[in-house]
Amino acid sequence: MTSGNVVSPGDHADVAGLLLRTLDDEDRTPAEEHLAGCEQCREEIDSLRTWSDALAAVPEPMRLDGPPDGGDLLLQRTLRRVRAESTGSRRRRTALIGVAAAVVVVAAFGAGAVVRPSGVPGDAVAQNASSLPQARLAETTDPATGARMKLAVAPAAGWVRVHAAVSGIPAGERCRLEVIDRSGTPRTAGSWVVSAAGESEGTSLDGSALVDPAQVMAVRVVNEQGRVFVLVTL
């Protein structure tokens, strides 16, 4: 599997596949033997373990069926590819390693918000905020668009959790929930397509963004054309 001290990309894929349990029985034993004698690959597998652990945190129904219709678009596409690659040939399954890492980034750090209808917008926000004593609460209604947002922003280790209830945005709009830091840079915490129920009854979103909690300035909802429907300053 190696030539001198050089490890080919294929060897690394096998080691990563071992970590993510995507190898056939005939490939697993050579990979385990190689790992035992290769310090470079052991370091590689240690670096991949973080991705593997985070991937394990993605709920199994989501890995199998993906998020519901109207949920995050990037996450839907990524999960579809994971399922397709996992049933393919060994060569195609090696591509699962990078795709799995993308799922982890999406699911754990922002582009994969959990989206659900909310008959009483704001109830889910209040419930989440009650269990997060450090959460910052705010709400507003945009006088121009009529869109309303109530949210709770909670600090984590170098990033923030965002719980929001949004209503008053026309059905069919493809929207992003963005966290804006003090430099004015927006970070996506989730994206979704507004449903008919979401327009009238509201939509609850649970997302996260890679923003220093101390640097959070505002949260907004924008569409694909950059139109701002509502902005809440914190």
Protein backbone atom coordinates (compact mmCIF):
# COMPACT_ATOMS: atom_id res chain seq x y z
CA MET A 1 0.00 0.00 0.00
CA THR A 2 2.97 2.29 0.39
CA SER A 3 6.20 2.98 -1.41
CA GLY A 4 8.89 4.03 1.06
CA ASN A 5 7.39 6.75 3.24
CA VAL A 6 4.98 7.95 0.58
CA VAL A 7 1.29 7.20 1.15
CA SER A 8 -0.92 7.30 -1.89
CA PRO A 9 -4.30 9.06 -1.89
CA GLY A 10 -5.96 5.65 -2.19
CA ASP A 11 -4.38 4.49 1.06
CA HIS A 12 -5.75 7.52 2.86
CA ALA A 13 -9.19 6.87 1.40
CA ASP A 14 -9.07 3.29 2.72
CA VAL A 15 -8.07 4.50 6.17
CA ALA A 16 -10.83 7.09 6.18
CA GLY A 17 -13.25 4.48 4.93
CA LEU A 18 -12.24 2.29 7.84
CA LEU A 19 -13.10 5.07 10.26
CA LEU A 20 -16.50 5.67 8.64
CA ARG A 21 -17.19 1.92 8.24
CA THR A 22 -17.62 2.09 4.46
CA LEU A 23 -15.09 -0.65 3.56
CA ASP A 24 -15.93 -4.17 2.38
CA ASP A 25 -14.69 -7.05 4.52
CA GLU A 26 -11.95 -7.81 1.99
CA ASP A 27 -10.62 -4.24 2.26
CA ARG A 28 -10.98 -3.74 6.00
CA THR A 29 -8.24 -6.16 7.13
CA PRO A 30 -5.48 -4.69 4.90
CA ALA A 31 -6.51 -1.20 5.99
CA GLU A 32 -6.27 -2.17 9.67
CA GLU A 33 -2.84 -3.74 9.12
CA HIS A 34 -1.63 -0.66 7.26
CA LEU A 35 -2.93 1.64 9.98
CA ALA A 36 -1.05 -0.29 12.67
CA GLY A 37 2.27 0.32 10.93
CA CYS A 38 1.83 3.81 9.50
CA GLU A 39 2.17 6.81 11.79
CA GLN A 40 1.17 9.20 9.02
CA CYS A 41 -2.12 7.39 8.49
CA ARG A 42 -2.78 7.24 12.23
CA GLU A 43 -2.43 11.02 12.34
CA GLU A 44 -4.76 11.26 9.37
CA ILE A 45 -7.41 9.10 11.01
CA ASP A 46 -7.16 11.16 14.20
CA SER A 47 -7.87 14.31 12.19
CA LEU A 48 -10.85 12.63 10.53
CA ARG A 49 -12.27 11.37 13.82
CA THR A 50 -13.75 14.79 14.58
CA TRP A 51 -15.73 14.64 11.35
CA SER A 52 -16.83 11.08 12.08
CA ASP A 53 -18.03 11.96 15.58
CA ALA A 54 -19.96 14.95 14.28
CA LEU A 55 -21.50 12.87 11.50
CA ALA A 56 -22.71 10.41 14.12
CA ALA A 57 -24.66 13.24 15.72
CA VAL A 58 -26.80 13.67 12.60
CA PRO A 59 -30.12 11.89 13.35
CA GLU A 60 -30.43 8.55 11.56
CA PRO A 61 -33.79 9.40 9.95
CA MET A 62 -32.14 12.46 8.40
CA ARG A 63 -29.25 10.34 7.06
CA LEU A 64 -31.73 7.90 5.55
CA ASP A 65 -34.50 10.18 4.32
CA GLY A 66 -33.00 13.67 4.46
CA PRO A 67 -34.64 16.76 5.90
CA PRO A 68 -38.33 17.44 5.19
CA ASP A 69 -39.48 19.21 2.04
CA GLY A 70 -38.84 22.91 2.46
CA GLY A 71 -35.83 22.22 4.66
CA ASP A 72 -32.26 23.24 3.96
CA LEU A 73 -31.49 22.90 0.25
CA LEU A 74 -27.75 22.27 0.49
CA LEU A 75 -28.29 19.65 3.18
CA GLN A 76 -30.90 17.89 1.05
CA ARG A 77 -28.53 17.65 -1.92
CA THR A 78 -25.61 16.51 0.23
CA LEU A 79 -27.58 13.79 1.99
CA ARG A 80 -28.92 12.50 -1.33
CA ARG A 81 -25.36 12.10 -2.59
CA VAL A 82 -24.27 10.35 0.62
CA ARG A 83 -27.04 7.79 0.19
CA ALA A 84 -26.19 7.28 -3.50
CA GLU A 85 -22.46 6.87 -2.88
CA SER A 86 -22.95 4.49 0.05
CA THR A 87 -24.66 1.93 -2.21
CA GLY A 88 -22.17 2.21 -5.08
CA SER A 89 -18.87 0.57 -5.92
CA ARG A 90 -15.76 0.71 -3.74
CA ARG A 91 -14.30 3.49 -5.92
CA ARG A 92 -17.46 5.55 -5.62
CA ARG A 93 -17.68 4.95 -1.87
CA THR A 94 -14.30 6.58 -1.34
CA ALA A 95 -15.96 9.83 -2.42
CA LEU A 96 -18.29 9.40 0.56
CA ILE A 97 -15.49 10.56 2.87
CA GLY A 98 -15.50 14.10 1.54
CA VAL A 99 -19.27 14.16 1.21
CA ALA A 100 -19.68 13.01 4.80
CA ALA A 101 -17.42 15.82 5.94
CA ALA A 102 -19.60 18.26 4.03
CA VAL A 103 -22.68 16.89 5.76
CA VAL A 104 -21.01 17.44 9.11
CA VAL A 105 -20.19 21.05 8.28
CA VAL A 106 -23.69 21.66 7.03
CA ALA A 107 -25.46 19.92 9.88
CA ALA A 108 -23.29 21.13 12.71
CA PHE A 109 -22.23 24.62 11.67
CA GLY A 110 -25.05 26.38 10.01
CA ALA A 111 -26.19 25.72 6.51
CA GLY A 112 -28.41 22.92 7.81
CA ALA A 113 -31.09 24.47 9.94
CA VAL A 114 -33.93 22.28 11.16
CA VAL A 115 -37.10 23.80 9.72
CA ARG A 116 -40.63 23.07 10.91
CA PRO A 117 -44.05 24.75 10.69
CA SER A 118 -45.05 26.73 13.76
CA GLY A 119 -48.74 27.29 14.40
CA VAL A 120 -47.89 29.90 17.05
CA PRO A 121 -44.67 31.65 15.93
CA GLY A 122 -42.36 32.31 18.84
CA ASP A 123 -43.46 29.43 21.06
CA ALA A 124 -40.52 27.25 20.04
CA VAL A 125 -38.15 30.19 20.53
CA ALA A 126 -39.40 30.76 24.06
CA GLN A 127 -39.12 27.06 24.89
CA ASN A 128 -35.54 26.87 23.60
CA ALA A 129 -34.54 30.10 25.33
CA SER A 130 -35.82 28.85 28.68
CA SER A 131 -33.20 26.08 28.61
CA LEU A 132 -30.41 28.45 27.54
CA PRO A 133 -29.85 31.00 30.34
CA GLN A 134 -27.27 32.96 28.30
CA ALA A 135 -29.51 33.34 25.26
CA ARG A 136 -30.16 36.84 23.92
CA LEU A 137 -33.82 37.40 22.99
CA ALA A 138 -35.14 39.90 20.47
CA GLU A 139 -37.99 40.37 18.01
CA THR A 140 -39.19 42.85 15.43
CA THR A 141 -41.62 43.39 12.57
CA ASP A 142 -40.39 45.01 9.38
CA PRO A 143 -42.81 47.85 8.52
CA ALA A 144 -42.06 47.64 4.79
CA THR A 145 -42.36 43.88 4.21
CA GLY A 146 -44.61 42.91 7.11
CA ALA A 147 -42.24 40.05 7.97
CA ARG A 148 -41.84 39.29 11.66
CA MET A 149 -39.03 37.47 13.47
CA LYS A 150 -38.62 36.45 17.07
CA LEU A 151 -35.29 34.85 17.96
CA ALA A 152 -32.95 33.60 20.63
CA VAL A 153 -29.18 33.58 20.05
CA ALA A 154 -27.17 31.40 22.42
CA PRO A 155 -23.36 31.26 22.70
CA ALA A 156 -21.38 28.06 22.17
CA ALA A 157 -17.65 27.31 21.88
CA GLY A 158 -16.71 29.88 19.23
CA TRP A 159 -20.06 29.79 17.45
CA VAL A 160 -23.73 30.53 18.14
CA ARG A 161 -27.01 28.65 18.12
CA VAL A 162 -29.94 30.47 16.59
CA HIS A 163 -33.59 29.68 17.31
CA ALA A 164 -35.97 31.79 15.24
CA ALA A 165 -39.66 32.05 14.40
CA VAL A 166 -40.35 33.82 11.10
CA SER A 167 -43.71 34.76 9.58
CA GLY A 168 -45.13 37.06 6.93
CA ILE A 169 -42.80 36.06 4.06
CA PRO A 170 -44.54 35.05 0.79
CA ALA A 171 -44.79 31.34 0.04
CA GLY A 172 -42.22 30.08 -2.45
CA GLU A 173 -39.45 32.46 -1.40
CA ARG A 174 -36.04 30.79 -1.01
CA CYS A 175 -34.65 32.36 2.13
CA ARG A 176 -31.51 32.36 4.23
CA LEU A 177 -31.25 33.03 7.94
CA GLU A 178 -28.02 35.02 8.40
CA VAL A 179 -26.06 36.08 11.47
CA ILE A 180 -24.16 39.35 10.96
CA ASP A 181 -21.01 40.08 12.95
CA ARG A 182 -19.68 43.50 13.95
CA SER A 183 -17.59 43.73 10.78
CA GLY A 184 -20.79 43.47 8.74
CA THR A 185 -20.01 39.96 7.48
CA PRO A 186 -23.07 37.68 7.16
CA ARG A 187 -22.84 33.99 8.11
CA THR A 188 -25.55 31.59 7.01
CA ALA A 189 -27.34 29.79 9.84
CA GLY A 190 -29.88 28.05 7.64
CA SER A 191 -31.90 28.17 4.42
CA TRP A 192 -35.38 27.07 3.48
CA VAL A 193 -38.25 27.52 1.05
CA VAL A 194 -41.26 29.26 2.59
CA SER A 195 -44.34 27.05 2.47
CA ALA A 196 -47.95 28.22 2.34
CA ALA A 197 -48.29 27.36 6.02
CA GLY A 198 -45.03 29.13 6.72
CA GLU A 199 -46.36 32.34 5.20
CA SER A 200 -49.54 32.39 7.25
CA GLU A 201 -48.65 30.51 10.43
CA GLY A 202 -44.91 31.04 10.59
CA THR A 203 -41.85 28.80 10.45
CA SER A 204 -39.56 27.82 13.31
CA LEU A 205 -35.87 27.35 12.58
CA ASP A 206 -33.02 25.92 14.63
CA GLY A 207 -29.60 26.66 13.15
CA SER A 208 -26.05 27.66 14.01
CA ALA A 209 -23.33 29.90 12.61
CA LEU A 210 -19.56 30.19 12.93
CA VAL A 211 -19.55 33.60 14.57
CA ASP A 212 -17.85 34.63 17.81
CA PRO A 213 -20.77 35.07 20.25
CA ALA A 214 -19.35 38.41 21.41
CA GLN A 215 -19.31 39.69 17.80
CA VAL A 216 -22.94 39.03 16.91
CA MET A 217 -24.61 42.29 15.82
CA ALA A 218 -27.82 41.24 14.07
CA VAL A 219 -29.79 38.40 12.49
CA ARG A 220 -31.70 38.78 9.23
CA VAL A 221 -33.74 36.88 6.66
CA VAL A 222 -32.86 37.44 2.98
CA ASN A 223 -33.91 35.81 -0.27
CA GLU A 224 -31.69 34.60 -3.13
CA GLN A 225 -31.74 38.06 -4.72
CA GLY A 226 -30.49 39.66 -1.51
CA ARG A 227 -33.77 41.27 -0.48
CA VAL A 228 -33.93 41.70 3.30
CA PHE A 229 -37.34 40.74 4.67
CA VAL A 230 -36.61 41.36 8.33
CA LEU A 231 -33.55 42.26 10.43
CA VAL A 232 -33.28 42.01 14.21
CA THR A 233 -30.50 43.98 15.90
CA LEU A 234 -28.99 42.52 19.08
